[in-house]
mmCIF file of all heavy atoms, coordinates in Angstrom:
data_MODEL
# 
_entry.id   MODEL 
# 
loop_
_atom_site.group_PDB 
_atom_site.id 
_atom_site.type_symbol 
_atom_site.label_atom_id 
_atom_site.label_alt_id 
_atom_site.label_comp_id 
_atom_site.label_asym_id 
_atom_site.label_entity_id 
_atom_site.label_seq_id 
_atom_site.pdbx_PDB_ins_code 
_atom_site.Cartn_x 
_atom_site.Cartn_y 
_atom_site.Cartn_z 
_atom_site.occupancy 
_atom_site.B_iso_or_equiv 
_atom_site.pdbx_formal_charge 
_atom_site.auth_seq_id 
_atom_site.auth_comp_id 
_atom_site.auth_asym_id 
_atom_site.auth_atom_id 
_atom_site.pdbx_PDB_model_num 
ATOM 1   N N   . VAL A 1 1  ? -47.836 -18.607 -54.823 1.00 0.00 ? 1  VAL A N   1 
ATOM 2   C CA  . VAL A 1 1  ? -47.378 -19.461 -53.681 1.00 0.00 ? 1  VAL A CA  1 
ATOM 3   C C   . VAL A 1 1  ? -45.880 -19.772 -53.846 1.00 0.00 ? 1  VAL A C   1 
ATOM 4   O O   . VAL A 1 1  ? -45.497 -20.252 -54.961 1.00 0.00 ? 1  VAL A O   1 
ATOM 5   C CB  . VAL A 1 1  ? -48.221 -20.772 -53.513 1.00 0.00 ? 1  VAL A CB  1 
ATOM 6   C CG1 . VAL A 1 1  ? -47.628 -21.620 -52.433 1.00 0.00 ? 1  VAL A CG1 1 
ATOM 7   C CG2 . VAL A 1 1  ? -49.642 -20.400 -53.271 1.00 0.00 ? 1  VAL A CG2 1 
ATOM 8   N N   . GLU A 1 2  ? -45.076 -19.491 -52.805 1.00 0.00 ? 2  GLU A N   1 
ATOM 9   C CA  . GLU A 1 2  ? -43.663 -19.775 -52.923 1.00 0.00 ? 2  GLU A CA  1 
ATOM 10  C C   . GLU A 1 2  ? -43.400 -21.339 -52.996 1.00 0.00 ? 2  GLU A C   1 
ATOM 11  O O   . GLU A 1 2  ? -43.960 -22.055 -52.139 1.00 0.00 ? 2  GLU A O   1 
ATOM 12  C CB  . GLU A 1 2  ? -42.967 -19.225 -51.679 1.00 0.00 ? 2  GLU A CB  1 
ATOM 13  C CG  . GLU A 1 2  ? -41.431 -19.421 -51.804 1.00 0.00 ? 2  GLU A CG  1 
ATOM 14  C CD  . GLU A 1 2  ? -40.699 -18.773 -50.595 1.00 0.00 ? 2  GLU A CD  1 
ATOM 15  O OE1 . GLU A 1 2  ? -41.037 -17.686 -50.235 1.00 0.00 ? 2  GLU A OE1 1 
ATOM 16  O OE2 . GLU A 1 2  ? -39.763 -19.451 -50.101 1.00 0.00 ? 2  GLU A OE2 1 
ATOM 17  N N   . LEU A 1 3  ? -42.671 -21.756 -53.971 1.00 0.00 ? 3  LEU A N   1 
ATOM 18  C CA  . LEU A 1 3  ? -42.365 -23.170 -54.129 1.00 0.00 ? 3  LEU A CA  1 
ATOM 19  C C   . LEU A 1 3  ? -40.987 -23.553 -53.640 1.00 0.00 ? 3  LEU A C   1 
ATOM 20  O O   . LEU A 1 3  ? -40.795 -24.597 -53.033 1.00 0.00 ? 3  LEU A O   1 
ATOM 21  C CB  . LEU A 1 3  ? -42.492 -23.546 -55.618 1.00 0.00 ? 3  LEU A CB  1 
ATOM 22  C CG  . LEU A 1 3  ? -43.786 -23.383 -56.319 1.00 0.00 ? 3  LEU A CG  1 
ATOM 23  C CD1 . LEU A 1 3  ? -43.709 -23.712 -57.754 1.00 0.00 ? 3  LEU A CD1 1 
ATOM 24  C CD2 . LEU A 1 3  ? -44.891 -24.167 -55.624 1.00 0.00 ? 3  LEU A CD2 1 
ATOM 25  N N   . GLU A 1 4  ? -40.043 -22.615 -53.901 1.00 0.00 ? 4  GLU A N   1 
ATOM 26  C CA  . GLU A 1 4  ? -38.662 -22.917 -53.459 1.00 0.00 ? 4  GLU A CA  1 
ATOM 27  C C   . GLU A 1 4  ? -37.905 -21.634 -53.269 1.00 0.00 ? 4  GLU A C   1 
ATOM 28  O O   . GLU A 1 4  ? -38.197 -20.649 -53.968 1.00 0.00 ? 4  GLU A O   1 
ATOM 29  C CB  . GLU A 1 4  ? -37.975 -23.805 -54.504 1.00 0.00 ? 4  GLU A CB  1 
ATOM 30  C CG  . GLU A 1 4  ? -36.710 -24.409 -53.992 1.00 0.00 ? 4  GLU A CG  1 
ATOM 31  C CD  . GLU A 1 4  ? -36.271 -25.592 -54.876 1.00 0.00 ? 4  GLU A CD  1 
ATOM 32  O OE1 . GLU A 1 4  ? -36.966 -25.988 -55.854 1.00 0.00 ? 4  GLU A OE1 1 
ATOM 33  O OE2 . GLU A 1 4  ? -35.169 -26.111 -54.617 1.00 0.00 ? 4  GLU A OE2 1 
ATOM 34  N N   . ARG A 1 5  ? -36.902 -21.633 -52.398 1.00 0.00 ? 5  ARG A N   1 
ATOM 35  C CA  . ARG A 1 5  ? -36.106 -20.457 -52.125 1.00 0.00 ? 5  ARG A CA  1 
ATOM 36  C C   . ARG A 1 5  ? -34.618 -20.904 -52.088 1.00 0.00 ? 5  ARG A C   1 
ATOM 37  O O   . ARG A 1 5  ? -34.324 -21.871 -51.369 1.00 0.00 ? 5  ARG A O   1 
ATOM 38  C CB  . ARG A 1 5  ? -36.498 -19.795 -50.822 1.00 0.00 ? 5  ARG A CB  1 
ATOM 39  C CG  . ARG A 1 5  ? -35.683 -18.588 -50.457 1.00 0.00 ? 5  ARG A CG  1 
ATOM 40  C CD  . ARG A 1 5  ? -36.207 -17.952 -49.174 1.00 0.00 ? 5  ARG A CD  1 
ATOM 41  N NE  . ARG A 1 5  ? -37.507 -17.445 -49.343 1.00 0.00 ? 5  ARG A NE  1 
ATOM 42  C CZ  . ARG A 1 5  ? -37.842 -16.145 -49.480 1.00 0.00 ? 5  ARG A CZ  1 
ATOM 43  N NH1 . ARG A 1 5  ? -36.846 -15.285 -49.503 1.00 0.00 ? 5  ARG A NH1 1 
ATOM 44  N NH2 . ARG A 1 5  ? -39.055 -15.777 -49.618 1.00 0.00 ? 5  ARG A NH2 1 
ATOM 45  N N   . TRP A 1 6  ? -33.746 -20.106 -52.765 1.00 0.00 ? 6  TRP A N   1 
ATOM 46  C CA  . TRP A 1 6  ? -32.309 -20.445 -52.734 1.00 0.00 ? 6  TRP A CA  1 
ATOM 47  C C   . TRP A 1 6  ? -31.633 -19.192 -52.104 1.00 0.00 ? 6  TRP A C   1 
ATOM 48  O O   . TRP A 1 6  ? -31.860 -18.076 -52.503 1.00 0.00 ? 6  TRP A O   1 
ATOM 49  C CB  . TRP A 1 6  ? -31.709 -20.568 -54.148 1.00 0.00 ? 6  TRP A CB  1 
ATOM 50  C CG  . TRP A 1 6  ? -32.282 -21.753 -54.871 1.00 0.00 ? 6  TRP A CG  1 
ATOM 51  C CD1 . TRP A 1 6  ? -31.647 -23.049 -54.980 1.00 0.00 ? 6  TRP A CD1 1 
ATOM 52  C CD2 . TRP A 1 6  ? -33.494 -21.878 -55.642 1.00 0.00 ? 6  TRP A CD2 1 
ATOM 53  N NE1 . TRP A 1 6  ? -32.385 -23.846 -55.720 1.00 0.00 ? 6  TRP A NE1 1 
ATOM 54  C CE2 . TRP A 1 6  ? -33.528 -23.223 -56.147 1.00 0.00 ? 6  TRP A CE2 1 
ATOM 55  C CE3 . TRP A 1 6  ? -34.484 -21.054 -55.994 1.00 0.00 ? 6  TRP A CE3 1 
ATOM 56  C CZ2 . TRP A 1 6  ? -34.533 -23.618 -56.970 1.00 0.00 ? 6  TRP A CZ2 1 
ATOM 57  C CZ3 . TRP A 1 6  ? -35.531 -21.437 -56.773 1.00 0.00 ? 6  TRP A CZ3 1 
ATOM 58  C CH2 . TRP A 1 6  ? -35.538 -22.770 -57.283 1.00 0.00 ? 6  TRP A CH2 1 
ATOM 59  N N   . LYS A 1 7  ? -30.897 -19.486 -51.061 1.00 0.00 ? 7  LYS A N   1 
ATOM 60  C CA  . LYS A 1 7  ? -30.209 -18.418 -50.350 1.00 0.00 ? 7  LYS A CA  1 
ATOM 61  C C   . LYS A 1 7  ? -28.670 -18.773 -50.416 1.00 0.00 ? 7  LYS A C   1 
ATOM 62  O O   . LYS A 1 7  ? -28.341 -19.934 -50.034 1.00 0.00 ? 7  LYS A O   1 
ATOM 63  C CB  . LYS A 1 7  ? -30.699 -18.311 -48.920 1.00 0.00 ? 7  LYS A CB  1 
ATOM 64  C CG  . LYS A 1 7  ? -30.161 -17.170 -48.130 1.00 0.00 ? 7  LYS A CG  1 
ATOM 65  C CD  . LYS A 1 7  ? -30.870 -17.020 -46.784 1.00 0.00 ? 7  LYS A CD  1 
ATOM 66  C CE  . LYS A 1 7  ? -30.360 -15.773 -46.090 1.00 0.00 ? 7  LYS A CE  1 
ATOM 67  N NZ  . LYS A 1 7  ? -30.956 -15.581 -44.783 1.00 0.00 ? 7  LYS A NZ  1 
ATOM 68  N N   . PHE A 1 8  ? -27.895 -17.859 -50.760 1.00 0.00 ? 8  PHE A N   1 
ATOM 69  C CA  . PHE A 1 8  ? -26.473 -18.137 -50.972 1.00 0.00 ? 8  PHE A CA  1 
ATOM 70  C C   . PHE A 1 8  ? -25.536 -17.514 -49.903 1.00 0.00 ? 8  PHE A C   1 
ATOM 71  O O   . PHE A 1 8  ? -24.356 -17.869 -49.836 1.00 0.00 ? 8  PHE A O   1 
ATOM 72  C CB  . PHE A 1 8  ? -26.007 -17.664 -52.344 1.00 0.00 ? 8  PHE A CB  1 
ATOM 73  C CG  . PHE A 1 8  ? -26.813 -18.322 -53.415 1.00 0.00 ? 8  PHE A CG  1 
ATOM 74  C CD1 . PHE A 1 8  ? -27.955 -17.711 -53.955 1.00 0.00 ? 8  PHE A CD1 1 
ATOM 75  C CD2 . PHE A 1 8  ? -26.421 -19.564 -53.919 1.00 0.00 ? 8  PHE A CD2 1 
ATOM 76  C CE1 . PHE A 1 8  ? -28.689 -18.366 -54.929 1.00 0.00 ? 8  PHE A CE1 1 
ATOM 77  C CE2 . PHE A 1 8  ? -27.160 -20.227 -54.895 1.00 0.00 ? 8  PHE A CE2 1 
ATOM 78  C CZ  . PHE A 1 8  ? -28.332 -19.576 -55.375 1.00 0.00 ? 8  PHE A CZ  1 
ATOM 79  N N   . SER A 1 9  ? -26.094 -16.609 -49.080 1.00 0.00 ? 9  SER A N   1 
ATOM 80  C CA  . SER A 1 9  ? -25.323 -15.975 -48.050 1.00 0.00 ? 9  SER A CA  1 
ATOM 81  C C   . SER A 1 9  ? -26.253 -15.589 -46.947 1.00 0.00 ? 9  SER A C   1 
ATOM 82  O O   . SER A 1 9  ? -27.419 -15.249 -47.182 1.00 0.00 ? 9  SER A O   1 
ATOM 83  C CB  . SER A 1 9  ? -24.571 -14.785 -48.539 1.00 0.00 ? 9  SER A CB  1 
ATOM 84  O OG  . SER A 1 9  ? -23.920 -14.102 -47.542 1.00 0.00 ? 9  SER A OG  1 
ATOM 85  N N   . ASP A 1 10 ? -25.774 -15.591 -45.725 1.00 0.00 ? 10 ASP A N   1 
ATOM 86  C CA  . ASP A 1 10 ? -26.591 -15.123 -44.586 1.00 0.00 ? 10 ASP A CA  1 
ATOM 87  C C   . ASP A 1 10 ? -26.706 -13.586 -44.609 1.00 0.00 ? 10 ASP A C   1 
ATOM 88  O O   . ASP A 1 10 ? -27.574 -13.008 -43.988 1.00 0.00 ? 10 ASP A O   1 
ATOM 89  C CB  . ASP A 1 10 ? -26.001 -15.550 -43.239 1.00 0.00 ? 10 ASP A CB  1 
ATOM 90  C CG  . ASP A 1 10 ? -26.174 -17.080 -43.110 1.00 0.00 ? 10 ASP A CG  1 
ATOM 91  O OD1 . ASP A 1 10 ? -27.171 -17.634 -43.648 1.00 0.00 ? 10 ASP A OD1 1 
ATOM 92  O OD2 . ASP A 1 10 ? -25.342 -17.648 -42.417 1.00 0.00 ? 10 ASP A OD2 1 
ATOM 93  N N   . GLU A 1 11 ? -25.791 -12.884 -45.288 1.00 0.00 ? 11 GLU A N   1 
ATOM 94  C CA  . GLU A 1 11 ? -25.761 -11.462 -45.301 1.00 0.00 ? 11 GLU A CA  1 
ATOM 95  C C   . GLU A 1 11 ? -26.493 -10.941 -46.512 1.00 0.00 ? 11 GLU A C   1 
ATOM 96  O O   . GLU A 1 11 ? -26.171 -11.305 -47.711 1.00 0.00 ? 11 GLU A O   1 
ATOM 97  C CB  . GLU A 1 11 ? -24.313 -10.973 -45.320 1.00 0.00 ? 11 GLU A CB  1 
ATOM 98  C CG  . GLU A 1 11 ? -24.204 -9.454  -45.068 1.00 0.00 ? 11 GLU A CG  1 
ATOM 99  C CD  . GLU A 1 11 ? -24.755 -8.986  -43.732 1.00 0.00 ? 11 GLU A CD  1 
ATOM 100 O OE1 . GLU A 1 11 ? -24.499 -9.681  -42.696 1.00 0.00 ? 11 GLU A OE1 1 
ATOM 101 O OE2 . GLU A 1 11 ? -25.462 -7.947  -43.710 1.00 0.00 ? 11 GLU A OE2 1 
ATOM 102 N N   . GLU A 1 12 ? -27.508 -10.098 -46.330 1.00 0.00 ? 12 GLU A N   1 
ATOM 103 C CA  . GLU A 1 12 ? -28.235 -9.529  -47.449 1.00 0.00 ? 12 GLU A CA  1 
ATOM 104 C C   . GLU A 1 12 ? -27.345 -8.709  -48.422 1.00 0.00 ? 12 GLU A C   1 
ATOM 105 O O   . GLU A 1 12 ? -26.502 -7.992  -47.999 1.00 0.00 ? 12 GLU A O   1 
ATOM 106 C CB  . GLU A 1 12 ? -29.341 -8.619  -46.880 1.00 0.00 ? 12 GLU A CB  1 
ATOM 107 C CG  . GLU A 1 12 ? -30.286 -8.085  -47.863 1.00 0.00 ? 12 GLU A CG  1 
ATOM 108 C CD  . GLU A 1 12 ? -31.410 -7.235  -47.252 1.00 0.00 ? 12 GLU A CD  1 
ATOM 109 O OE1 . GLU A 1 12 ? -31.981 -7.718  -46.204 1.00 0.00 ? 12 GLU A OE1 1 
ATOM 110 O OE2 . GLU A 1 12 ? -31.624 -6.181  -47.743 1.00 0.00 ? 12 GLU A OE2 1 
ATOM 111 N N   . ASP A 1 13 ? -27.640 -8.874  -49.724 1.00 0.00 ? 13 ASP A N   1 
ATOM 112 C CA  . ASP A 1 13 ? -26.965 -8.171  -50.802 1.00 0.00 ? 13 ASP A CA  1 
ATOM 113 C C   . ASP A 1 13 ? -25.436 -8.241  -50.670 1.00 0.00 ? 13 ASP A C   1 
ATOM 114 O O   . ASP A 1 13 ? -24.725 -7.270  -50.928 1.00 0.00 ? 13 ASP A O   1 
ATOM 115 C CB  . ASP A 1 13 ? -27.371 -6.701  -50.866 1.00 0.00 ? 13 ASP A CB  1 
ATOM 116 C CG  . ASP A 1 13 ? -26.855 -6.038  -52.188 1.00 0.00 ? 13 ASP A CG  1 
ATOM 117 O OD1 . ASP A 1 13 ? -26.698 -6.813  -53.219 1.00 0.00 ? 13 ASP A OD1 1 
ATOM 118 O OD2 . ASP A 1 13 ? -26.699 -4.861  -52.264 1.00 0.00 ? 13 ASP A OD2 1 
ATOM 119 N N   . SER A 1 14 ? -24.939 -9.411  -50.374 1.00 0.00 ? 14 SER A N   1 
ATOM 120 C CA  . SER A 1 14 ? -23.500 -9.679  -50.392 1.00 0.00 ? 14 SER A CA  1 
ATOM 121 C C   . SER A 1 14 ? -22.991 -10.162 -51.728 1.00 0.00 ? 14 SER A C   1 
ATOM 122 O O   . SER A 1 14 ? -21.966 -9.677  -52.177 1.00 0.00 ? 14 SER A O   1 
ATOM 123 C CB  . SER A 1 14 ? -23.111 -10.571 -49.183 1.00 0.00 ? 14 SER A CB  1 
ATOM 124 O OG  . SER A 1 14 ? -23.718 -11.766 -49.388 1.00 0.00 ? 14 SER A OG  1 
ATOM 125 N N   . TRP A 1 15 ? -23.745 -11.022 -52.347 1.00 0.00 ? 15 TRP A N   1 
ATOM 126 C CA  . TRP A 1 15 ? -23.391 -11.519 -53.688 1.00 0.00 ? 15 TRP A CA  1 
ATOM 127 C C   . TRP A 1 15 ? -23.839 -10.590 -54.777 1.00 0.00 ? 15 TRP A C   1 
ATOM 128 O O   . TRP A 1 15 ? -23.375 -10.596 -55.896 1.00 0.00 ? 15 TRP A O   1 
ATOM 129 C CB  . TRP A 1 15 ? -24.000 -12.902 -53.909 1.00 0.00 ? 15 TRP A CB  1 
ATOM 130 C CG  . TRP A 1 15 ? -23.233 -13.998 -53.202 1.00 0.00 ? 15 TRP A CG  1 
ATOM 131 C CD1 . TRP A 1 15 ? -22.589 -13.989 -52.035 1.00 0.00 ? 15 TRP A CD1 1 
ATOM 132 C CD2 . TRP A 1 15 ? -23.231 -15.338 -53.677 1.00 0.00 ? 15 TRP A CD2 1 
ATOM 133 N NE1 . TRP A 1 15 ? -22.126 -15.250 -51.725 1.00 0.00 ? 15 TRP A NE1 1 
ATOM 134 C CE2 . TRP A 1 15 ? -22.520 -16.105 -52.749 1.00 0.00 ? 15 TRP A CE2 1 
ATOM 135 C CE3 . TRP A 1 15 ? -23.675 -16.013 -54.792 1.00 0.00 ? 15 TRP A CE3 1 
ATOM 136 C CZ2 . TRP A 1 15 ? -22.287 -17.456 -52.872 1.00 0.00 ? 15 TRP A CZ2 1 
ATOM 137 C CZ3 . TRP A 1 15 ? -23.472 -17.364 -54.926 1.00 0.00 ? 15 TRP A CZ3 1 
ATOM 138 C CH2 . TRP A 1 15 ? -22.695 -18.077 -54.007 1.00 0.00 ? 15 TRP A CH2 1 
ATOM 139 N N   . HIS A 1 16 ? -24.910 -9.815  -54.540 1.00 0.00 ? 16 HIS A N   1 
ATOM 140 C CA  . HIS A 1 16 ? -25.565 -8.924  -55.513 1.00 0.00 ? 16 HIS A CA  1 
ATOM 141 C C   . HIS A 1 16 ? -26.007 -9.732  -56.784 1.00 0.00 ? 16 HIS A C   1 
ATOM 142 O O   . HIS A 1 16 ? -25.595 -9.484  -57.877 1.00 0.00 ? 16 HIS A O   1 
ATOM 143 C CB  . HIS A 1 16 ? -24.670 -7.760  -55.898 1.00 0.00 ? 16 HIS A CB  1 
ATOM 144 C CG  . HIS A 1 16 ? -25.488 -6.668  -56.564 1.00 0.00 ? 16 HIS A CG  1 
ATOM 145 N ND1 . HIS A 1 16 ? -26.261 -5.835  -55.814 1.00 0.00 ? 16 HIS A ND1 1 
ATOM 146 C CD2 . HIS A 1 16 ? -25.547 -6.250  -57.846 1.00 0.00 ? 16 HIS A CD2 1 
ATOM 147 C CE1 . HIS A 1 16 ? -26.855 -4.929  -56.601 1.00 0.00 ? 16 HIS A CE1 1 
ATOM 148 N NE2 . HIS A 1 16 ? -26.477 -5.214  -57.888 1.00 0.00 ? 16 HIS A NE2 1 
ATOM 149 N N   . ILE A 1 17 ? -26.909 -10.683 -56.499 1.00 0.00 ? 17 ILE A N   1 
ATOM 150 C CA  . ILE A 1 17 ? -27.505 -11.505 -57.575 1.00 0.00 ? 17 ILE A CA  1 
ATOM 151 C C   . ILE A 1 17 ? -28.476 -10.567 -58.269 1.00 0.00 ? 17 ILE A C   1 
ATOM 152 O O   . ILE A 1 17 ? -29.279 -9.932  -57.605 1.00 0.00 ? 17 ILE A O   1 
ATOM 153 C CB  . ILE A 1 17 ? -28.233 -12.739 -57.036 1.00 0.00 ? 17 ILE A CB  1 
ATOM 154 C CG1 . ILE A 1 17 ? -27.137 -13.684 -56.420 1.00 0.00 ? 17 ILE A CG1 1 
ATOM 155 C CG2 . ILE A 1 17 ? -29.032 -13.404 -58.113 1.00 0.00 ? 17 ILE A CG2 1 
ATOM 156 C CD1 . ILE A 1 17 ? -27.753 -14.780 -55.600 1.00 0.00 ? 17 ILE A CD1 1 
ATOM 157 N N   . ASN A 1 18 ? -28.408 -10.449 -59.610 1.00 0.00 ? 18 ASN A N   1 
ATOM 158 C CA  . ASN A 1 18 ? -29.253 -9.445  -60.264 1.00 0.00 ? 18 ASN A CA  1 
ATOM 159 C C   . ASN A 1 18 ? -29.890 -9.848  -61.586 1.00 0.00 ? 18 ASN A C   1 
ATOM 160 O O   . ASN A 1 18 ? -30.650 -9.069  -62.168 1.00 0.00 ? 18 ASN A O   1 
ATOM 161 C CB  . ASN A 1 18 ? -28.389 -8.188  -60.529 1.00 0.00 ? 18 ASN A CB  1 
ATOM 162 C CG  . ASN A 1 18 ? -27.193 -8.474  -61.318 1.00 0.00 ? 18 ASN A CG  1 
ATOM 163 O OD1 . ASN A 1 18 ? -27.280 -8.894  -62.471 1.00 0.00 ? 18 ASN A OD1 1 
ATOM 164 N ND2 . ASN A 1 18 ? -25.996 -8.335  -60.735 1.00 0.00 ? 18 ASN A ND2 1 
ATOM 165 N N   . SER A 1 19 ? -29.519 -11.029 -62.133 1.00 0.00 ? 19 SER A N   1 
ATOM 166 C CA  . SER A 1 19 ? -30.133 -11.440 -63.396 1.00 0.00 ? 19 SER A CA  1 
ATOM 167 C C   . SER A 1 19 ? -30.317 -13.006 -63.382 1.00 0.00 ? 19 SER A C   1 
ATOM 168 O O   . SER A 1 19 ? -29.510 -13.704 -62.798 1.00 0.00 ? 19 SER A O   1 
ATOM 169 C CB  . SER A 1 19 ? -29.199 -11.014 -64.520 1.00 0.00 ? 19 SER A CB  1 
ATOM 170 O OG  . SER A 1 19 ? -29.784 -11.280 -65.766 1.00 0.00 ? 19 SER A OG  1 
ATOM 171 N N   . ILE A 1 20 ? -31.390 -13.418 -63.987 1.00 0.00 ? 20 ILE A N   1 
ATOM 172 C CA  . ILE A 1 20 ? -31.665 -14.867 -64.087 1.00 0.00 ? 20 ILE A CA  1 
ATOM 173 C C   . ILE A 1 20 ? -32.098 -15.157 -65.490 1.00 0.00 ? 20 ILE A C   1 
ATOM 174 O O   . ILE A 1 20 ? -32.805 -14.317 -66.077 1.00 0.00 ? 20 ILE A O   1 
ATOM 175 C CB  . ILE A 1 20 ? -32.624 -15.306 -63.013 1.00 0.00 ? 20 ILE A CB  1 
ATOM 176 C CG1 . ILE A 1 20 ? -32.697 -16.814 -62.910 1.00 0.00 ? 20 ILE A CG1 1 
ATOM 177 C CG2 . ILE A 1 20 ? -34.001 -14.701 -63.180 1.00 0.00 ? 20 ILE A CG2 1 
ATOM 178 C CD1 . ILE A 1 20 ? -33.389 -17.283 -61.571 1.00 0.00 ? 20 ILE A CD1 1 
ATOM 179 N N   . GLU A 1 21 ? -31.767 -16.260 -66.030 1.00 0.00 ? 21 GLU A N   1 
ATOM 180 C CA  . GLU A 1 21 ? -32.092 -16.614 -67.447 1.00 0.00 ? 21 GLU A CA  1 
ATOM 181 C C   . GLU A 1 21 ? -32.123 -18.103 -67.621 1.00 0.00 ? 21 GLU A C   1 
ATOM 182 O O   . GLU A 1 21 ? -31.397 -18.823 -66.938 1.00 0.00 ? 21 GLU A O   1 
ATOM 183 C CB  . GLU A 1 21 ? -31.067 -15.949 -68.404 1.00 0.00 ? 21 GLU A CB  1 
ATOM 184 C CG  . GLU A 1 21 ? -31.258 -16.297 -69.862 1.00 0.00 ? 21 GLU A CG  1 
ATOM 185 C CD  . GLU A 1 21 ? -32.355 -15.582 -70.487 1.00 0.00 ? 21 GLU A CD  1 
ATOM 186 O OE1 . GLU A 1 21 ? -33.561 -15.747 -69.999 1.00 0.00 ? 21 GLU A OE1 1 
ATOM 187 O OE2 . GLU A 1 21 ? -32.170 -14.895 -71.522 1.00 0.00 ? 21 GLU A OE2 1 
ATOM 188 N N   . LYS A 1 22 ? -32.955 -18.584 -68.543 1.00 0.00 ? 22 LYS A N   1 
ATOM 189 C CA  . LYS A 1 22 ? -32.901 -19.995 -68.887 1.00 0.00 ? 22 LYS A CA  1 
ATOM 190 C C   . LYS A 1 22 ? -31.956 -20.079 -70.123 1.00 0.00 ? 22 LYS A C   1 
ATOM 191 O O   . LYS A 1 22 ? -32.219 -19.426 -71.113 1.00 0.00 ? 22 LYS A O   1 
ATOM 192 C CB  . LYS A 1 22 ? -34.312 -20.530 -69.268 1.00 0.00 ? 22 LYS A CB  1 
ATOM 193 C CG  . LYS A 1 22 ? -34.283 -21.955 -69.377 1.00 0.00 ? 22 LYS A CG  1 
ATOM 194 C CD  . LYS A 1 22 ? -35.712 -22.588 -69.412 1.00 0.00 ? 22 LYS A CD  1 
ATOM 195 C CE  . LYS A 1 22 ? -35.604 -24.082 -69.421 1.00 0.00 ? 22 LYS A CE  1 
ATOM 196 N NZ  . LYS A 1 22 ? -36.928 -24.674 -69.381 1.00 0.00 ? 22 LYS A NZ  1 
ATOM 197 N N   . TRP A 1 23 ? -30.914 -20.928 -69.988 1.00 0.00 ? 23 TRP A N   1 
ATOM 198 C CA  . TRP A 1 23 ? -29.852 -21.004 -71.023 1.00 0.00 ? 23 TRP A CA  1 
ATOM 199 C C   . TRP A 1 23 ? -29.528 -22.467 -71.197 1.00 0.00 ? 23 TRP A C   1 
ATOM 200 O O   . TRP A 1 23 ? -29.050 -23.143 -70.290 1.00 0.00 ? 23 TRP A O   1 
ATOM 201 C CB  . TRP A 1 23 ? -28.685 -20.180 -70.666 1.00 0.00 ? 23 TRP A CB  1 
ATOM 202 C CG  . TRP A 1 23 ? -27.483 -20.174 -71.535 1.00 0.00 ? 23 TRP A CG  1 
ATOM 203 C CD1 . TRP A 1 23 ? -27.563 -20.194 -72.898 1.00 0.00 ? 23 TRP A CD1 1 
ATOM 204 C CD2 . TRP A 1 23 ? -26.077 -20.255 -71.165 1.00 0.00 ? 23 TRP A CD2 1 
ATOM 205 N NE1 . TRP A 1 23 ? -26.222 -20.178 -73.420 1.00 0.00 ? 23 TRP A NE1 1 
ATOM 206 C CE2 . TRP A 1 23 ? -25.411 -20.226 -72.403 1.00 0.00 ? 23 TRP A CE2 1 
ATOM 207 C CE3 . TRP A 1 23 ? -25.465 -20.326 -69.927 1.00 0.00 ? 23 TRP A CE3 1 
ATOM 208 C CZ2 . TRP A 1 23 ? -23.991 -20.272 -72.359 1.00 0.00 ? 23 TRP A CZ2 1 
ATOM 209 C CZ3 . TRP A 1 23 ? -24.084 -20.346 -69.934 1.00 0.00 ? 23 TRP A CZ3 1 
ATOM 210 C CH2 . TRP A 1 23 ? -23.378 -20.314 -71.153 1.00 0.00 ? 23 TRP A CH2 1 
ATOM 211 N N   . ASN A 1 24 ? -29.836 -23.015 -72.396 1.00 0.00 ? 24 ASN A N   1 
ATOM 212 C CA  . ASN A 1 24 ? -29.496 -24.409 -72.748 1.00 0.00 ? 24 ASN A CA  1 
ATOM 213 C C   . ASN A 1 24 ? -30.034 -25.360 -71.687 1.00 0.00 ? 24 ASN A C   1 
ATOM 214 O O   . ASN A 1 24 ? -29.414 -26.315 -71.294 1.00 0.00 ? 24 ASN A O   1 
ATOM 215 C CB  . ASN A 1 24 ? -28.007 -24.549 -73.010 1.00 0.00 ? 24 ASN A CB  1 
ATOM 216 C CG  . ASN A 1 24 ? -27.500 -23.839 -74.161 1.00 0.00 ? 24 ASN A CG  1 
ATOM 217 O OD1 . ASN A 1 24 ? -28.162 -23.804 -75.181 1.00 0.00 ? 24 ASN A OD1 1 
ATOM 218 N ND2 . ASN A 1 24 ? -26.355 -23.188 -74.028 1.00 0.00 ? 24 ASN A ND2 1 
ATOM 219 N N   . GLY A 1 25 ? -31.290 -25.143 -71.295 1.00 0.00 ? 25 GLY A N   1 
ATOM 220 C CA  . GLY A 1 25 ? -31.978 -26.052 -70.358 1.00 0.00 ? 25 GLY A CA  1 
ATOM 221 C C   . GLY A 1 25 ? -31.593 -25.869 -68.898 1.00 0.00 ? 25 GLY A C   1 
ATOM 222 O O   . GLY A 1 25 ? -32.062 -26.601 -68.028 1.00 0.00 ? 25 GLY A O   1 
# 
């Protein structure tokens, strides 16, 4: 179940977000 969604631009693949990590909390 989707809990939360973050959107950074109205245009798809404009920022090219590609990696996510937990770093120092």
